[in-house]
Protein backbone atom coordinates (compact mmCIF):
# COMPACT_ATOMS: atom_id res chain seq x y z
CA UNK A 1 -210.58 -158.37 -181.73
CA UNK A 2 -210.48 -156.09 -184.48
CA UNK A 3 -212.32 -153.25 -182.97
CA UNK A 4 -209.88 -153.25 -180.12
CA UNK A 5 -206.91 -152.66 -182.52
CA UNK A 6 -208.96 -150.08 -184.26
CA UNK A 7 -209.55 -148.26 -181.06
CA UNK A 8 -205.70 -148.70 -180.17
CA UNK A 9 -204.72 -146.81 -183.23
CA UNK A 10 -206.50 -143.60 -182.32
CA UNK A 11 -204.00 -141.17 -180.19
CA UNK A 12 -206.94 -140.81 -177.42
CA UNK A 13 -206.49 -144.69 -176.70
CA UNK A 14 -202.61 -144.21 -176.71
CA UNK A 15 -202.46 -141.58 -174.16
CA UNK A 16 -205.12 -143.75 -171.97
CA UNK A 17 -202.41 -146.50 -172.21
CA UNK A 18 -199.71 -144.15 -171.14
CA UNK A 19 -201.69 -142.76 -168.26
CA UNK A 20 -202.91 -146.20 -166.84
CA UNK A 21 -199.32 -147.93 -167.12
CA UNK A 22 -197.87 -144.67 -165.85
CA UNK A 23 -199.93 -144.85 -162.58
CA UNK A 24 -198.70 -148.51 -162.23
CA UNK A 25 -195.09 -147.75 -162.50
CA UNK A 26 -195.71 -144.26 -160.43
CA UNK A 27 -196.99 -146.64 -157.63
CA UNK A 28 -194.22 -149.06 -157.99
CA UNK A 29 -191.50 -146.22 -157.88
CA UNK A 30 -193.11 -144.72 -154.70
CA UNK A 31 -193.22 -148.12 -153.06
CA UNK A 32 -189.54 -149.03 -154.09
CA UNK A 33 -188.55 -145.51 -152.75
CA UNK A 34 -190.29 -146.33 -149.26
CA UNK A 35 -188.83 -149.86 -149.10
CA UNK A 36 -185.13 -148.55 -149.60
CA UNK A 37 -185.46 -146.20 -146.93
CA UNK A 38 -185.67 -149.06 -144.58
CA UNK A 39 -181.85 -148.98 -144.74
CA UNK A 40 -181.89 -145.88 -142.29
CA UNK A 41 -183.99 -148.25 -139.72
CA UNK A 42 -180.35 -150.17 -139.17
CA UNK A 43 -180.32 -154.19 -137.77
CA UNK A 44 -182.78 -156.00 -135.67
CA UNK A 45 -179.68 -157.97 -134.20
CA UNK A 46 -176.04 -158.74 -135.44
CA UNK A 47 -176.03 -159.08 -139.14
CA UNK A 48 -179.83 -158.96 -139.73
CA UNK A 49 -181.28 -155.83 -140.82
CA UNK A 50 -184.89 -154.52 -141.13
CA UNK A 51 -184.41 -154.03 -144.70
CA UNK A 52 -183.27 -157.52 -145.09
CA UNK A 53 -186.54 -158.76 -143.35
CA UNK A 54 -188.49 -156.35 -145.48
CA UNK A 55 -186.98 -158.10 -148.65
CA UNK A 56 -187.58 -161.61 -147.50
CA UNK A 57 -191.25 -160.66 -146.77
CA UNK A 58 -191.80 -159.76 -150.43
CA UNK A 59 -190.51 -163.14 -151.26
CA UNK A 60 -192.74 -165.00 -149.24
CA UNK A 61 -195.80 -162.79 -149.75
CA UNK A 62 -198.94 -164.80 -150.49
CA UNK A 63 -198.08 -167.91 -149.02
CA UNK A 64 -199.07 -170.56 -148.77
CA UNK A 65 -200.76 -169.70 -152.13
CA UNK A 66 -197.76 -168.56 -153.60
CA UNK A 67 -194.37 -170.20 -153.69
CA UNK A 68 -191.22 -168.58 -152.28
CA UNK A 69 -190.34 -165.59 -154.67
CA UNK A 70 -193.51 -166.25 -156.86
CA UNK A 71 -195.33 -162.70 -155.98
CA UNK A 72 -192.12 -160.89 -157.09
CA UNK A 73 -191.94 -162.72 -160.48
CA UNK A 74 -195.50 -162.02 -161.02
CA UNK A 75 -195.05 -158.33 -160.05
CA UNK A 76 -192.04 -158.30 -162.25
CA UNK A 77 -193.58 -159.66 -165.40
CA UNK A 78 -196.46 -157.34 -164.73
CA UNK A 79 -193.86 -154.00 -164.65
CA UNK A 80 -192.26 -155.34 -167.37
CA UNK A 81 -195.57 -155.46 -169.52
CA UNK A 82 -196.52 -151.83 -168.17
CA UNK A 83 -192.95 -150.39 -169.17
CA UNK A 84 -193.34 -152.20 -172.59
CA UNK A 85 -196.55 -150.82 -173.49
CA UNK A 86 -195.58 -147.36 -172.00
CA UNK A 87 -192.52 -146.96 -174.03
CA UNK A 88 -194.28 -148.31 -177.17
CA UNK A 89 -197.40 -145.96 -176.63
CA UNK A 90 -195.18 -143.04 -176.03
CA UNK A 91 -193.19 -143.92 -179.47
CA UNK A 92 -196.20 -144.29 -181.41
CA UNK A 93 -197.56 -140.68 -179.93
CA UNK A 94 -194.31 -139.36 -180.81
CA UNK A 95 -194.45 -140.42 -184.63
CA UNK A 96 -198.49 -139.23 -184.65
CA UNK A 97 -197.29 -135.75 -183.39
CA UNK A 98 -194.34 -135.62 -185.66
CA UNK A 99 -196.64 -136.43 -188.42
CA UNK A 100 -199.16 -133.52 -187.56
CA UNK A 101 -197.14 -130.71 -186.49
CA UNK A 102 -195.91 -128.40 -189.16
CA UNK A 103 -192.32 -127.76 -189.73
CA UNK A 104 -193.05 -123.84 -189.15
CA UNK A 105 -194.04 -124.43 -185.38
CA UNK A 106 -191.19 -126.60 -184.42
CA UNK A 107 -189.29 -123.86 -183.03
CA UNK A 108 -192.08 -122.35 -181.13
CA UNK A 109 -192.97 -125.54 -179.56
CA UNK A 110 -189.64 -126.26 -178.25
CA UNK A 111 -189.35 -122.81 -176.73
CA UNK A 112 -192.80 -123.20 -175.04
CA UNK A 113 -191.96 -126.52 -173.52
CA UNK A 114 -190.44 -127.53 -170.28
CA UNK A 115 -186.81 -128.49 -169.71
CA UNK A 116 -188.36 -131.89 -168.28
CA UNK A 117 -190.65 -132.65 -171.51
CA UNK A 118 -187.60 -131.43 -173.75
CA UNK A 119 -185.39 -134.25 -171.95
CA UNK A 120 -188.20 -136.92 -171.38
CA UNK A 121 -186.80 -138.82 -174.47
CA UNK A 122 -183.46 -138.89 -173.34
CA UNK A 123 -184.40 -139.32 -169.65
CA UNK A 124 -186.24 -142.47 -170.70
CA UNK A 125 -183.41 -143.87 -172.50
CA UNK A 126 -181.05 -143.15 -169.39
CA UNK A 127 -183.77 -144.80 -166.80
CA UNK A 128 -184.34 -147.97 -169.15
CA UNK A 129 -180.27 -148.62 -169.04
CA UNK A 130 -180.39 -148.07 -165.44
CA UNK A 131 -183.08 -150.47 -164.96
CA UNK A 132 -181.31 -153.26 -166.81
CA UNK A 133 -178.30 -152.27 -164.94
CA UNK A 134 -179.86 -152.06 -161.46
CA UNK A 135 -181.47 -155.45 -161.89
CA UNK A 136 -178.20 -157.29 -162.70
CA UNK A 137 -176.46 -155.26 -160.00
CA UNK A 138 -178.64 -155.46 -156.89
CA UNK A 139 -181.39 -158.25 -157.90
CA UNK A 140 -179.42 -161.23 -159.54
CA UNK A 141 -175.83 -159.78 -158.51
CA UNK A 142 -174.27 -160.49 -161.90
CA UNK A 143 -172.37 -157.01 -162.04
CA UNK A 144 -172.03 -156.53 -158.29
CA UNK A 145 -168.41 -157.18 -157.00
CA UNK A 146 -169.51 -159.03 -153.79
CA UNK A 147 -173.06 -160.24 -153.95
CA UNK A 148 -174.70 -162.08 -151.30
CA UNK A 149 -178.24 -163.44 -151.96
CA UNK A 150 -180.63 -162.15 -149.17
CA UNK A 151 -178.25 -159.52 -147.75
CA UNK A 152 -179.96 -156.31 -149.12
CA UNK A 153 -178.12 -154.00 -146.57
CA UNK A 154 -174.96 -155.34 -147.20
CA UNK A 155 -175.08 -155.36 -150.87
CA UNK A 156 -176.41 -151.64 -151.07
CA UNK A 157 -173.54 -150.74 -148.88
CA UNK A 158 -170.76 -152.46 -150.75
CA UNK A 159 -172.33 -151.29 -154.20
CA UNK A 160 -172.57 -147.42 -153.33
CA UNK A 161 -169.30 -147.09 -151.64
CA UNK A 162 -168.13 -147.12 -155.12
CA UNK A 163 -168.22 -143.39 -156.29
CA UNK A 164 -168.81 -144.56 -159.92
CA UNK A 165 -171.88 -146.47 -159.29
CA UNK A 166 -173.34 -143.97 -156.64
CA UNK A 167 -172.85 -141.38 -159.30
CA UNK A 168 -174.52 -143.38 -162.14
CA UNK A 169 -177.46 -144.04 -159.46
CA UNK A 170 -177.62 -140.44 -158.99
CA UNK A 171 -177.79 -139.32 -162.21
CA UNK A 172 -180.62 -141.94 -163.27
CA UNK A 173 -182.60 -141.10 -160.46
CA UNK A 174 -182.24 -137.35 -161.35
CA UNK A 175 -183.67 -138.33 -164.66
CA UNK A 176 -186.56 -140.20 -163.14
CA UNK A 177 -187.45 -137.15 -161.22
CA UNK A 178 -187.69 -135.13 -164.17
CA UNK A 179 -189.70 -138.23 -166.22
CA UNK A 180 -192.22 -138.20 -163.11
CA UNK A 181 -192.81 -134.45 -162.95
CA UNK A 182 -193.70 -134.35 -166.96
CA UNK A 183 -195.30 -137.58 -166.77
CA UNK A 184 -197.68 -136.75 -163.86
CA UNK A 185 -198.33 -133.17 -165.57
CA UNK A 186 -199.42 -135.14 -168.65
CA UNK A 187 -201.48 -137.61 -166.83
CA UNK A 188 -203.58 -134.84 -165.71
CA UNK A 189 -203.67 -133.36 -168.91
CA UNK A 190 -204.87 -136.32 -170.76
CA UNK A 191 -207.81 -136.79 -168.13
CA UNK A 192 -209.10 -133.27 -169.40
CA UNK A 193 -208.01 -131.88 -166.14
CA UNK A 194 -206.68 -128.66 -167.06
CA UNK A 195 -207.47 -124.88 -166.73
CA UNK A 196 -205.93 -122.08 -165.21
CA UNK A 197 -206.49 -123.10 -161.47
CA UNK A 198 -206.10 -126.81 -162.22
CA UNK A 199 -202.72 -126.27 -163.99
CA UNK A 200 -201.39 -124.51 -161.02
CA UNK A 201 -202.36 -127.72 -158.76
CA UNK A 202 -201.22 -130.27 -161.09
CA UNK A 203 -197.79 -128.61 -161.49
CA UNK A 204 -197.46 -128.23 -157.83
CA UNK A 205 -198.66 -131.75 -157.17
CA UNK A 206 -196.14 -133.32 -159.90
CA UNK A 207 -193.47 -131.12 -158.55
CA UNK A 208 -193.89 -132.27 -154.83
CA UNK A 209 -194.03 -135.97 -155.80
CA UNK A 210 -191.08 -135.88 -158.13
CA UNK A 211 -189.05 -134.25 -155.41
CA UNK A 212 -190.00 -136.40 -152.55
CA UNK A 213 -189.29 -139.61 -154.97
CA UNK A 214 -186.04 -138.17 -156.24
CA UNK A 215 -185.03 -137.11 -152.56
CA UNK A 216 -185.67 -140.31 -151.09
CA UNK A 217 -183.84 -142.37 -153.95
CA UNK A 218 -180.76 -139.88 -153.33
CA UNK A 219 -180.58 -140.14 -149.76
CA UNK A 220 -179.39 -143.76 -149.64
CA UNK A 221 -175.99 -143.49 -151.82
CA UNK A 222 -175.33 -140.12 -150.39
CA UNK A 223 -175.73 -141.57 -146.68
CA UNK A 224 -173.57 -144.61 -147.85
CA UNK A 225 -170.84 -142.30 -149.26
CA UNK A 226 -170.63 -139.90 -146.33
CA UNK A 227 -170.53 -142.97 -143.80
CA UNK A 228 -173.91 -142.17 -142.29
CA UNK A 229 -174.97 -145.77 -143.24
CA UNK A 230 -172.19 -148.36 -143.38
């Protein structure tokens, strides 16, 4: 057990933890975005919508080996652990970098970094606050004005008809886009995949992935605000 702790104390191990947890979180974000887009598929009949059936399918996933909703709770706890390790490793790496970085190079480092990397810390705080609010809003319904369990389509439409709620959601999603871009860029670098040609590829890949995910998430509140989805 001691040797595991010794390995984890190294910067390389912390970067590895950030990379692995980052992949888990990237996968979840992509899957969640695709699930949200089912709001555009409309109803199956009367007030039963395809996105509602999708949500119910997640609750019954794994039956009969898992009870109703158990798969979702296992997933939530796993994601919570990944988020916790991701934040912890990021904070520890920041502390190590600050200790190792000479004061005279701070200005130069800031100028060389991208906008996404400079705002990574603040964007992470916005995303964390948003995740807490999002769970209370559309998962448990504690801060929803008219929440009805199992009615995902209805809950989404009512929620995003409020311009303030939609604006906060869009701000958080935009922050997520910058976070994804810099996170993917750093992920490839942590794996040692760097060089003139590879840098162009990983920059383009990170940008395309971040834009697709951001646009997918933003499309839902925009469609509801404009009346396309009602």
